[in-house]
């Protein structure tokens, strides 16, 4: 929601619109389900959505966002992008703010980007999506979800990213670049970054470990070895570890011809003291062995990843604890514009909320 506090920053954003492509921007000055936002009709018991400021009100104008209403409910709401977003070869930035107005027990608050063929009235958790991003918390499991679709299958990020669980507004930003790298920001601070090939299983690497390779017999991976120069103390007596039982007697029925020579059973030698040379660094240590890489037969340098035609965004959620407020949603291909939008809408709110919480 806009406020006079943020008008100057938002005005400066207009100067960048000529260069930046903004496919969706929502600050919830109003909420109209007859035009932009469409409530799914796939179920008859969906939870409600309302404009609300929440319990902690730093500024009634900029605190206003879209809040879920109704505990233990499903929520399904979507809106069309300004125009289809063909993502291949372009940056993809998905950004929005989340505030947990209540102590969360189990609630999803992630956002999804959908292909252009989405049936908004039939939106459910089974509706195919292209990108899923945002907090998902239930019990002790708290994660920032990141799922990307590729050839009809959804792939989740391998890294564990923790959301912030308090009653303040927090900004979540996903950036995916054409060079197949990504960043995840929370409150404009980087929480994760890397290459898609490393952190998602759908991107085929150029080379892979040779599964048929075996460690050479002479490979020395012992970091430490017994000191070959060490000797026992001068007064050391090398007693045997076991000795024949001096009290044992040959059984009367023992037949040497049939049973062989009788030997007394062994028992622990009370005089035995173990001695081992101290460990030293192995001068021949070669490190852990790993299989050499070979060309990946599935690698295709011309393969297109994240070749989406996005048409919609929306929320498909299950919340035991409702009351989550979403705001300042942005979809763009301009990373700098997303940063300016965050500064204009989130930074001032963050300061005001902290003051209000201390008051």
Protein backbone atom coordinates (compact mmCIF):
# COMPACT_ATOMS: atom_id res chain seq x y z
CA UNK A 1 0.00 0.00 0.00
CA UNK A 2 1.28 3.43 -0.90
CA UNK A 3 1.85 6.22 1.60
CA UNK A 4 3.19 9.76 1.49
CA UNK A 5 6.31 8.38 3.18
CA UNK A 6 7.10 6.36 0.07
CA UNK A 7 5.78 8.68 -2.66
CA UNK A 8 9.16 10.17 -3.47
CA UNK A 9 10.75 6.75 -3.89
CA UNK A 10 7.87 5.45 -5.96
CA UNK A 11 7.94 8.52 -8.18
CA UNK A 12 11.58 7.88 -8.99
CA UNK A 13 10.66 4.38 -10.09
CA UNK A 14 8.60 5.80 -12.93
CA UNK A 15 11.78 7.06 -14.55
CA UNK A 16 13.07 3.50 -14.80
CA UNK A 17 9.95 1.96 -16.30
CA UNK A 18 11.05 2.76 -19.85
CA UNK A 19 14.03 0.43 -19.46
CA UNK A 20 12.63 -2.09 -16.98
CA UNK A 21 9.95 -4.53 -17.99
CA UNK A 22 7.47 -4.88 -15.15
CA UNK A 23 5.09 -7.77 -15.71
CA UNK A 24 3.29 -7.43 -12.41
CA UNK A 25 3.23 -4.97 -9.54
CA UNK A 26 0.74 -4.96 -6.71
CA UNK A 27 0.75 -2.74 -3.63
CA UNK A 28 -2.84 -3.47 -2.57
CA UNK A 29 -4.26 0.04 -2.63
CA UNK A 30 -7.44 -1.91 -3.24
CA UNK A 31 -8.51 -5.53 -3.62
CA UNK A 32 -11.03 -6.26 -6.34
CA UNK A 33 -11.90 -9.87 -7.16
CA UNK A 34 -14.05 -8.72 -10.08
CA UNK A 35 -11.11 -7.48 -12.14
CA UNK A 36 -7.49 -8.24 -11.33
CA UNK A 37 -7.68 -10.97 -8.70
CA UNK A 38 -9.64 -14.17 -9.26
CA UNK A 39 -10.76 -16.48 -6.47
CA UNK A 40 -10.70 -20.15 -7.43
CA UNK A 41 -14.04 -21.98 -7.47
CA UNK A 42 -12.52 -25.45 -7.45
CA UNK A 43 -13.65 -25.87 -3.81
CA UNK A 44 -16.58 -24.40 -1.92
CA UNK A 45 -14.76 -23.98 1.37
CA UNK A 46 -11.75 -21.81 0.54
CA UNK A 47 -10.54 -19.32 3.13
CA UNK A 48 -11.15 -15.60 2.66
CA UNK A 49 -8.84 -12.77 1.62
CA UNK A 50 -9.16 -9.25 3.03
CA UNK A 51 -7.21 -6.03 3.00
CA UNK A 52 -5.76 -5.56 6.49
CA UNK A 53 -3.00 -3.79 8.39
CA UNK A 54 -2.50 -6.46 11.05
CA UNK A 55 -2.04 -6.07 14.78
CA UNK A 56 1.24 -4.13 14.61
CA UNK A 57 0.40 -0.92 12.76
CA UNK A 58 3.41 1.25 12.01
CA UNK A 59 1.56 3.26 9.36
CA UNK A 60 -2.03 2.41 8.33
CA UNK A 61 -1.29 3.15 4.68
CA UNK A 62 1.92 1.24 4.04
CA UNK A 63 1.07 -1.57 6.47
CA UNK A 64 -1.99 -2.55 4.45
CA UNK A 65 -1.70 -5.78 2.52
CA UNK A 66 -3.72 -8.83 1.56
CA UNK A 67 -4.40 -11.07 4.56
CA UNK A 68 -5.64 -14.66 4.77
CA UNK A 69 -8.71 -15.24 6.95
CA UNK A 70 -9.88 -18.58 8.30
CA UNK A 71 -7.81 -21.11 10.24
CA UNK A 72 -7.33 -24.63 8.89
CA UNK A 73 -8.27 -23.51 5.39
CA UNK A 74 -7.11 -23.77 1.81
CA UNK A 75 -6.56 -20.56 -0.11
CA UNK A 76 -6.41 -20.19 -3.89
CA UNK A 77 -6.16 -16.80 -5.57
CA UNK A 78 -4.49 -15.67 -8.79
CA UNK A 79 -3.99 -12.69 -11.08
CA UNK A 80 -2.87 -12.31 -14.67
CA UNK A 81 0.46 -10.70 -15.55
CA UNK A 82 0.32 -7.50 -17.56
CA UNK A 83 1.52 -9.54 -20.53
CA UNK A 84 3.06 -12.99 -21.02
CA UNK A 85 6.63 -13.16 -19.70
CA UNK A 86 8.90 -15.25 -21.91
CA UNK A 87 11.75 -15.86 -19.53
CA UNK A 88 14.41 -17.52 -21.68
CA UNK A 89 17.50 -15.34 -22.00
CA UNK A 90 16.19 -12.78 -19.49
CA UNK A 91 16.57 -12.21 -15.76
CA UNK A 92 13.58 -13.32 -13.72
CA UNK A 93 12.87 -11.46 -10.48
CA UNK A 94 10.02 -12.49 -8.18
CA UNK A 95 9.64 -10.37 -5.05
CA UNK A 96 7.01 -9.89 -2.36
CA UNK A 97 6.68 -9.22 1.36
CA UNK A 98 5.27 -11.51 4.05
CA UNK A 99 4.16 -10.74 7.59
CA UNK A 100 2.98 -13.31 10.11
CA UNK A 101 0.41 -11.38 12.09
CA UNK A 102 0.09 -14.27 14.56
CA UNK A 103 2.41 -16.92 15.96
CA UNK A 104 2.56 -19.49 13.18
CA UNK A 105 1.85 -23.15 13.87
CA UNK A 106 1.59 -24.49 10.34
CA UNK A 107 1.15 -22.23 7.33
CA UNK A 108 2.41 -21.90 3.79
CA UNK A 109 2.86 -18.38 2.48
CA UNK A 110 4.70 -18.97 -0.79
CA UNK A 111 3.81 -17.52 -4.16
CA UNK A 112 3.70 -19.28 -7.53
CA UNK A 113 4.20 -18.25 -11.14
CA UNK A 114 1.96 -20.11 -13.56
CA UNK A 115 2.05 -20.73 -17.31
CA UNK A 116 -0.19 -18.79 -19.65
CA UNK A 117 -2.75 -21.60 -19.90
CA UNK A 118 -3.81 -21.56 -16.23
CA UNK A 119 -7.55 -21.88 -15.59
CA UNK A 120 -7.90 -19.40 -12.74
CA UNK A 121 -11.33 -20.60 -11.65
CA UNK A 122 -10.01 -24.15 -11.26
CA UNK A 123 -6.79 -23.28 -9.43
CA UNK A 124 -5.78 -25.94 -6.88
CA UNK A 125 -2.61 -27.46 -5.51
CA UNK A 126 -2.57 -29.75 -8.54
CA UNK A 127 -2.40 -26.89 -11.04
CA UNK A 128 0.96 -26.99 -12.89
CA UNK A 129 3.25 -24.11 -11.99
CA UNK A 130 6.60 -22.87 -13.27
CA UNK A 131 8.11 -21.27 -10.15
CA UNK A 132 7.28 -21.63 -6.46
CA UNK A 133 8.97 -19.38 -3.91
CA UNK A 134 8.53 -18.30 -0.32
CA UNK A 135 8.21 -19.35 3.32
CA UNK A 136 6.64 -22.65 4.34
CA UNK A 137 6.49 -23.41 8.05
CA UNK A 138 4.93 -26.29 9.94
CA UNK A 139 5.98 -27.37 13.42
CA UNK A 140 9.76 -27.46 13.58
CA UNK A 141 10.09 -27.46 9.78
CA UNK A 142 10.79 -23.91 8.59
CA UNK A 143 12.03 -23.44 5.03
CA UNK A 144 12.05 -20.98 2.18
CA UNK A 145 10.70 -23.08 -0.66
CA UNK A 146 12.21 -22.76 -4.13
CA UNK A 147 10.85 -25.10 -6.79
CA UNK A 148 11.44 -24.81 -10.52
CA UNK A 149 9.58 -26.76 -13.17
CA UNK A 150 11.35 -28.50 -16.03
CA UNK A 151 9.65 -30.76 -18.58
CA UNK A 152 6.62 -31.30 -16.38
CA UNK A 153 8.53 -32.13 -13.20
CA UNK A 154 9.17 -29.89 -10.20
CA UNK A 155 12.67 -29.67 -8.77
CA UNK A 156 13.36 -28.30 -5.29
CA UNK A 157 16.50 -26.43 -4.31
CA UNK A 158 19.02 -28.57 -2.44
CA UNK A 159 19.98 -25.85 0.03
CA UNK A 160 18.15 -25.27 3.31
CA UNK A 161 17.12 -21.62 3.67
CA UNK A 162 15.38 -20.46 6.83
CA UNK A 163 12.64 -17.82 6.78
CA UNK A 164 12.29 -15.20 9.50
CA UNK A 165 9.51 -16.08 11.91
CA UNK A 166 8.34 -13.02 13.81
CA UNK A 167 5.49 -10.53 13.54
CA UNK A 168 7.35 -8.04 11.34
CA UNK A 169 7.23 -7.62 7.57
CA UNK A 170 9.99 -9.37 5.63
CA UNK A 171 10.85 -9.10 1.97
CA UNK A 172 11.61 -12.21 -0.10
CA UNK A 173 13.37 -11.91 -3.45
CA UNK A 174 14.23 -14.62 -5.98
CA UNK A 175 16.57 -13.68 -8.84
CA UNK A 176 17.36 -16.09 -11.67
CA UNK A 177 19.78 -14.88 -14.33
CA UNK A 178 20.30 -16.01 -17.94
CA UNK A 179 23.76 -17.36 -17.06
CA UNK A 180 21.99 -20.02 -14.95
CA UNK A 181 22.84 -18.52 -11.58
CA UNK A 182 20.42 -17.50 -8.86
CA UNK A 183 20.18 -15.44 -5.68
CA UNK A 184 17.73 -15.52 -2.80
CA UNK A 185 17.43 -12.38 -0.70
CA UNK A 186 15.58 -11.78 2.54
CA UNK A 187 15.20 -8.14 3.51
CA UNK A 188 17.58 -7.23 0.68
CA UNK A 189 20.32 -9.41 2.17
CA UNK A 190 21.64 -12.42 0.28
CA UNK A 191 20.80 -15.70 2.02
CA UNK A 192 21.70 -18.11 -0.78
CA UNK A 193 23.29 -17.99 -4.21
CA UNK A 194 24.85 -20.35 -6.66
CA UNK A 195 24.55 -22.10 -9.98
CA UNK A 196 21.43 -23.95 -11.04
CA UNK A 197 23.59 -26.87 -12.12
CA UNK A 198 24.86 -27.31 -8.56
CA UNK A 199 21.65 -26.77 -6.60
CA UNK A 200 18.88 -28.16 -8.84
CA UNK A 201 18.89 -31.62 -10.35
CA UNK A 202 17.27 -30.73 -13.66
CA UNK A 203 20.33 -28.99 -15.12
CA UNK A 204 22.71 -31.50 -16.68
CA UNK A 205 26.42 -30.76 -16.01
CA UNK A 206 28.97 -30.89 -18.80
CA UNK A 207 30.91 -33.64 -17.05
CA UNK A 208 30.08 -36.28 -14.44
CA UNK A 209 32.12 -38.68 -12.25
CA UNK A 210 33.05 -41.93 -13.95
CA UNK A 211 30.95 -44.53 -12.11
CA UNK A 212 33.08 -47.37 -13.51
CA UNK A 213 36.35 -46.01 -12.13
CA UNK A 214 37.88 -47.67 -9.07
CA UNK A 215 40.46 -46.49 -6.60
CA UNK A 216 44.01 -47.63 -7.56
CA UNK A 217 45.41 -50.33 -5.30
CA UNK A 218 48.41 -48.15 -4.39
CA UNK A 219 46.36 -45.04 -3.59
CA UNK A 220 47.32 -43.93 -0.09
CA UNK A 221 44.48 -42.06 1.62
CA UNK A 222 45.76 -42.49 5.18
CA UNK A 223 46.20 -39.04 6.69
CA UNK A 224 48.10 -40.40 9.71
CA UNK A 225 50.27 -43.50 10.05
CA UNK A 226 52.13 -45.17 12.96
CA UNK A 227 55.54 -43.55 13.42
CA UNK A 228 57.97 -45.99 11.75
CA UNK A 229 60.87 -44.50 13.77
CA UNK A 230 59.24 -44.97 17.16
CA UNK A 231 60.49 -47.71 19.49
CA UNK A 232 59.13 -49.07 22.77
CA UNK A 233 60.60 -47.72 26.03
CA UNK A 234 63.91 -49.28 27.10
CA UNK A 235 62.26 -51.14 29.98
CA UNK A 236 59.48 -52.47 27.80
CA UNK A 237 58.92 -56.23 28.03
CA UNK A 238 56.99 -57.59 25.10
CA UNK A 239 54.80 -60.10 26.88
CA UNK A 240 52.38 -62.10 24.71
CA UNK A 241 48.77 -60.91 24.77
CA UNK A 242 47.49 -64.43 25.51
CA UNK A 243 49.02 -67.40 27.32
CA UNK A 244 47.96 -71.05 27.77
CA UNK A 245 45.81 -71.60 30.83
CA UNK A 246 48.29 -73.03 33.39
CA UNK A 247 45.49 -74.76 35.30
CA UNK A 248 43.92 -76.47 32.34
CA UNK A 249 44.25 -80.26 32.15
CA UNK A 250 43.88 -82.58 29.25
CA UNK A 251 40.50 -84.35 29.39
CA UNK A 252 40.71 -88.07 30.25
CA UNK A 253 38.82 -89.02 27.10
CA UNK A 254 41.24 -87.11 24.88
CA UNK A 255 42.78 -89.39 22.25
CA UNK A 256 45.92 -87.96 20.65
CA UNK A 257 45.60 -90.37 17.75
CA UNK A 258 42.02 -89.33 17.09
CA UNK A 259 41.99 -85.73 18.30
CA UNK A 260 45.56 -84.66 17.68
CA UNK A 261 47.93 -83.14 20.22
CA UNK A 262 46.07 -81.45 23.05
CA UNK A 263 46.72 -77.77 23.67
CA UNK A 264 45.62 -75.82 26.70
CA UNK A 265 43.08 -73.08 25.95
CA UNK A 266 44.39 -69.51 25.83
CA UNK A 267 43.52 -66.81 28.29
CA UNK A 268 44.39 -63.13 28.67
CA UNK A 269 47.92 -62.59 29.92
CA UNK A 270 47.80 -60.41 33.06
CA UNK A 271 51.37 -59.28 32.39
CA UNK A 272 50.55 -58.00 28.90
CA UNK A 273 50.72 -54.25 28.29
CA UNK A 274 49.89 -52.91 24.84
CA UNK A 275 52.20 -50.48 23.11
CA UNK A 276 51.58 -48.77 19.80
CA UNK A 277 53.79 -46.26 18.04
CA UNK A 278 52.35 -42.72 18.09
CA UNK A 279 50.69 -41.46 14.89
CA UNK A 280 52.50 -39.09 12.54
CA UNK A 281 51.48 -37.40 9.31
CA UNK A 282 51.74 -39.70 6.34
CA UNK A 283 54.37 -38.28 3.94
CA UNK A 284 52.76 -40.27 1.11
CA UNK A 285 49.22 -39.05 1.78
CA UNK A 286 47.36 -38.46 -1.50
CA UNK A 287 44.08 -37.19 -0.13
CA UNK A 288 40.61 -38.70 -0.54
CA UNK A 289 40.19 -40.47 -3.83
CA UNK A 290 37.41 -39.43 -6.15
CA UNK A 291 36.44 -40.77 -9.52
CA UNK A 292 37.69 -38.75 -12.50
CA UNK A 293 35.16 -36.81 -14.55
CA UNK A 294 34.06 -37.94 -17.97
CA UNK A 295 31.84 -36.18 -20.55
CA UNK A 296 28.17 -36.36 -19.57
CA UNK A 297 26.26 -38.16 -22.33
CA UNK A 298 23.08 -36.28 -21.32
CA UNK A 299 24.70 -32.86 -21.55
CA UNK A 300 23.31 -30.68 -24.30
CA UNK A 301 24.95 -27.26 -24.72
CA UNK A 302 21.90 -26.09 -26.66
CA UNK A 303 19.39 -27.17 -24.01
CA UNK A 304 16.98 -24.48 -22.91
CA UNK A 305 16.40 -24.26 -19.19
CA UNK A 306 13.73 -22.11 -17.57
CA UNK A 307 12.14 -21.52 -20.95
CA UNK A 308 8.82 -20.40 -19.51
CA UNK A 309 5.94 -18.40 -20.88
CA UNK A 310 4.45 -17.06 -17.68
CA UNK A 311 0.92 -15.72 -17.66
CA UNK A 312 -0.21 -15.64 -14.04
CA UNK A 313 0.88 -15.51 -10.43
CA UNK A 314 -1.01 -16.63 -7.40
CA UNK A 315 -1.28 -18.23 -4.00
CA UNK A 316 -2.24 -21.86 -3.46
CA UNK A 317 -1.91 -22.38 0.28
CA UNK A 318 -2.89 -24.53 3.23
CA UNK A 319 -2.83 -22.67 6.54
CA UNK A 320 -3.59 -24.05 9.97
CA UNK A 321 -2.84 -20.57 11.31
CA UNK A 322 -4.20 -17.87 9.02
CA UNK A 323 -3.57 -14.15 9.26
CA UNK A 324 -0.55 -13.97 6.94
CA UNK A 325 -0.25 -10.62 5.13
CA UNK A 326 1.25 -10.46 1.64
CA UNK A 327 2.16 -7.20 -0.06
CA UNK A 328 4.29 -5.39 -2.65
CA UNK A 329 4.35 -8.17 -5.23
CA UNK A 330 6.68 -7.64 -8.17
CA UNK A 331 7.58 -9.63 -11.27
CA UNK A 332 10.18 -8.03 -13.52
CA UNK A 333 13.20 -8.74 -15.68
CA UNK A 334 15.20 -5.88 -14.15
CA UNK A 335 17.22 -6.59 -10.99
CA UNK A 336 17.99 -2.92 -10.36
CA UNK A 337 14.35 -1.95 -10.63
CA UNK A 338 13.43 -4.62 -8.08
CA UNK A 339 15.98 -3.17 -5.68
CA UNK A 340 14.60 0.35 -6.16
CA UNK A 341 11.06 -0.92 -5.64
CA UNK A 342 12.15 -2.67 -2.45
CA UNK A 343 13.81 0.49 -1.18
CA UNK A 344 10.70 2.54 -1.91
CA UNK A 345 8.17 0.14 -0.37
CA UNK A 346 9.95 -1.97 2.22
CA UNK A 347 12.84 -0.02 3.72
CA UNK A 348 10.71 2.77 5.21
CA UNK A 349 8.15 0.26 6.51
CA UNK A 350 10.89 -1.79 8.16
CA UNK A 351 12.09 1.20 10.17
CA UNK A 352 8.59 2.19 11.22
CA UNK A 353 7.66 -1.32 12.31
CA UNK A 354 10.73 -1.64 14.48
CA UNK A 355 9.89 1.62 16.20
CA UNK A 356 6.28 0.54 16.70
CA UNK A 357 7.33 -2.78 18.17
CA UNK A 358 9.60 -1.07 20.71
CA UNK A 359 6.92 1.42 21.69
